[in-house]
């Protein structure tokens, strides 16, 4: 469906949000729908990717409370030999970080579009 995808400070593992964001109102509770929570978590979705099927960029600040989860996504992508761009640098979960990240991601997507959707 998509040729490119990006994440800035992403919540890539829904289990980390059990008490936040009212996810249970959208999916059901984790107790009644554990598999659905797994299936909708990006960290698990990448298991179905084939290399070069999706241009993928992930960016996360080192002080962000989900940094370890994003680093886990990096490890998963590397173990699956999925090409991607991954950026981690000093920063928090705030607009100062996101504004800077947007510039990098827009450049990344421009390059993908200019090269026929492949890196």
Protein backbone atom coordinates (compact mmCIF):
# COMPACT_ATOMS: atom_id res chain seq x y z
CA UNK A 1 0.00 0.00 0.00
CA UNK A 2 2.84 2.41 0.86
CA UNK A 3 6.27 2.84 -0.66
CA UNK A 4 7.74 4.81 2.24
CA UNK A 5 7.14 5.13 5.95
CA UNK A 6 8.67 7.16 8.75
CA UNK A 7 8.53 7.41 12.51
CA UNK A 8 9.60 10.25 14.79
CA UNK A 9 9.60 9.31 18.48
CA UNK A 10 7.22 6.51 17.61
CA UNK A 11 5.20 4.37 19.95
CA UNK A 12 6.12 1.25 18.01
CA UNK A 13 5.04 -1.23 20.69
CA UNK A 14 1.46 -0.81 21.90
CA UNK A 15 1.98 -2.83 25.07
CA UNK A 16 3.99 0.11 26.41
CA UNK A 17 0.81 2.23 26.19
CA UNK A 18 -1.53 -0.01 28.19
CA UNK A 19 -2.58 2.85 30.51
CA UNK A 20 -2.20 5.72 28.03
CA UNK A 21 -3.89 6.99 24.88
CA UNK A 22 -7.18 5.11 25.40
CA UNK A 23 -6.02 2.31 23.12
CA UNK A 24 -8.42 -0.12 24.80
CA UNK A 25 -11.31 2.03 23.48
CA UNK A 26 -10.01 1.57 19.95
CA UNK A 27 -8.82 -2.05 19.97
CA UNK A 28 -10.34 -3.59 23.13
CA UNK A 29 -8.53 -4.33 26.34
CA UNK A 30 -5.21 -6.11 26.17
CA UNK A 31 -6.65 -8.92 28.29
CA UNK A 32 -9.45 -9.61 25.80
CA UNK A 33 -7.46 -8.97 22.64
CA UNK A 34 -3.76 -9.61 23.30
CA UNK A 35 -3.18 -10.86 19.74
CA UNK A 36 -4.71 -7.72 18.25
CA UNK A 37 -2.35 -5.54 20.32
CA UNK A 38 0.57 -7.62 19.04
CA UNK A 39 -0.64 -7.46 15.43
CA UNK A 40 -0.98 -3.66 15.52
CA UNK A 41 2.46 -3.03 17.04
CA UNK A 42 4.99 -1.84 14.46
CA UNK A 43 7.77 -3.81 16.13
CA UNK A 44 5.86 -6.98 15.18
CA UNK A 45 4.60 -5.79 11.79
CA UNK A 46 8.15 -5.61 10.44
CA UNK A 47 8.32 -9.41 10.63
CA UNK A 48 6.21 -9.46 7.46
CA UNK A 49 8.42 -7.01 5.52
CA UNK A 50 10.71 -8.07 2.74
CA UNK A 51 13.91 -6.13 2.18
CA UNK A 52 13.48 -3.13 -0.18
CA UNK A 53 9.70 -3.47 -0.04
CA UNK A 54 9.38 -0.25 1.98
CA UNK A 55 11.58 2.82 2.33
CA UNK A 56 11.76 3.16 6.09
CA UNK A 57 13.15 5.88 8.37
CA UNK A 58 13.04 5.87 12.18
CA UNK A 59 14.17 8.76 14.37
CA UNK A 60 14.19 8.86 18.16
CA UNK A 61 15.74 11.09 20.81
CA UNK A 62 18.00 9.54 23.41
CA UNK A 63 16.02 11.12 26.27
CA UNK A 64 12.65 9.99 24.96
CA UNK A 65 10.86 7.59 27.30
CA UNK A 66 10.39 5.11 24.43
CA UNK A 67 13.99 5.23 23.27
CA UNK A 68 14.63 1.61 24.32
CA UNK A 69 11.56 0.42 22.40
CA UNK A 70 12.72 2.24 19.26
CA UNK A 71 16.19 0.76 19.73
CA UNK A 72 14.45 -2.63 19.92
CA UNK A 73 12.82 -1.92 16.57
CA UNK A 74 16.28 -1.16 15.17
CA UNK A 75 17.59 -4.50 16.43
CA UNK A 76 14.59 -6.31 14.93
CA UNK A 77 15.09 -4.65 11.52
CA UNK A 78 18.79 -5.51 11.58
CA UNK A 79 18.11 -9.15 12.51
CA UNK A 80 15.67 -9.39 9.59
CA UNK A 81 18.16 -7.71 7.20
CA UNK A 82 15.62 -4.98 6.37
CA UNK A 83 17.28 -1.89 4.90
CA UNK A 84 16.28 1.28 6.74
CA UNK A 85 17.56 4.60 8.00
CA UNK A 86 17.77 4.99 11.76
CA UNK A 87 18.62 8.20 13.59
CA UNK A 88 19.15 8.62 17.29
CA UNK A 89 20.50 11.80 18.79
CA UNK A 90 20.17 13.91 21.93
CA UNK A 91 16.62 15.07 22.42
CA UNK A 92 13.32 14.60 24.16
CA UNK A 93 9.70 13.97 23.23
CA UNK A 94 8.93 17.58 22.31
CA UNK A 95 8.44 20.00 19.40
CA UNK A 96 12.04 21.15 19.40
CA UNK A 97 13.10 17.58 18.58
CA UNK A 98 10.24 16.92 16.15
CA UNK A 99 10.73 20.14 14.18
CA UNK A 100 14.35 19.17 13.50
CA UNK A 101 13.40 15.57 12.70
CA UNK A 102 10.78 16.68 10.20
CA UNK A 103 13.50 18.33 8.10
CA UNK A 104 15.45 15.07 7.87
CA UNK A 105 12.40 13.01 7.10
CA UNK A 106 11.18 15.37 4.37
CA UNK A 107 14.60 15.14 2.71
CA UNK A 108 14.50 11.35 3.00
CA UNK A 109 11.04 11.12 1.43
CA UNK A 110 11.98 13.57 -1.32
CA UNK A 111 14.92 11.34 -2.21
CA UNK A 112 12.68 8.27 -2.23
CA UNK A 113 10.12 9.94 -4.51
CA UNK A 114 12.78 11.32 -6.85
CA UNK A 115 14.34 7.86 -7.20
CA UNK A 116 11.13 6.05 -8.08
CA UNK A 117 10.27 5.07 -4.50
CA UNK A 118 13.42 2.99 -4.00
CA UNK A 119 16.42 4.12 -2.04
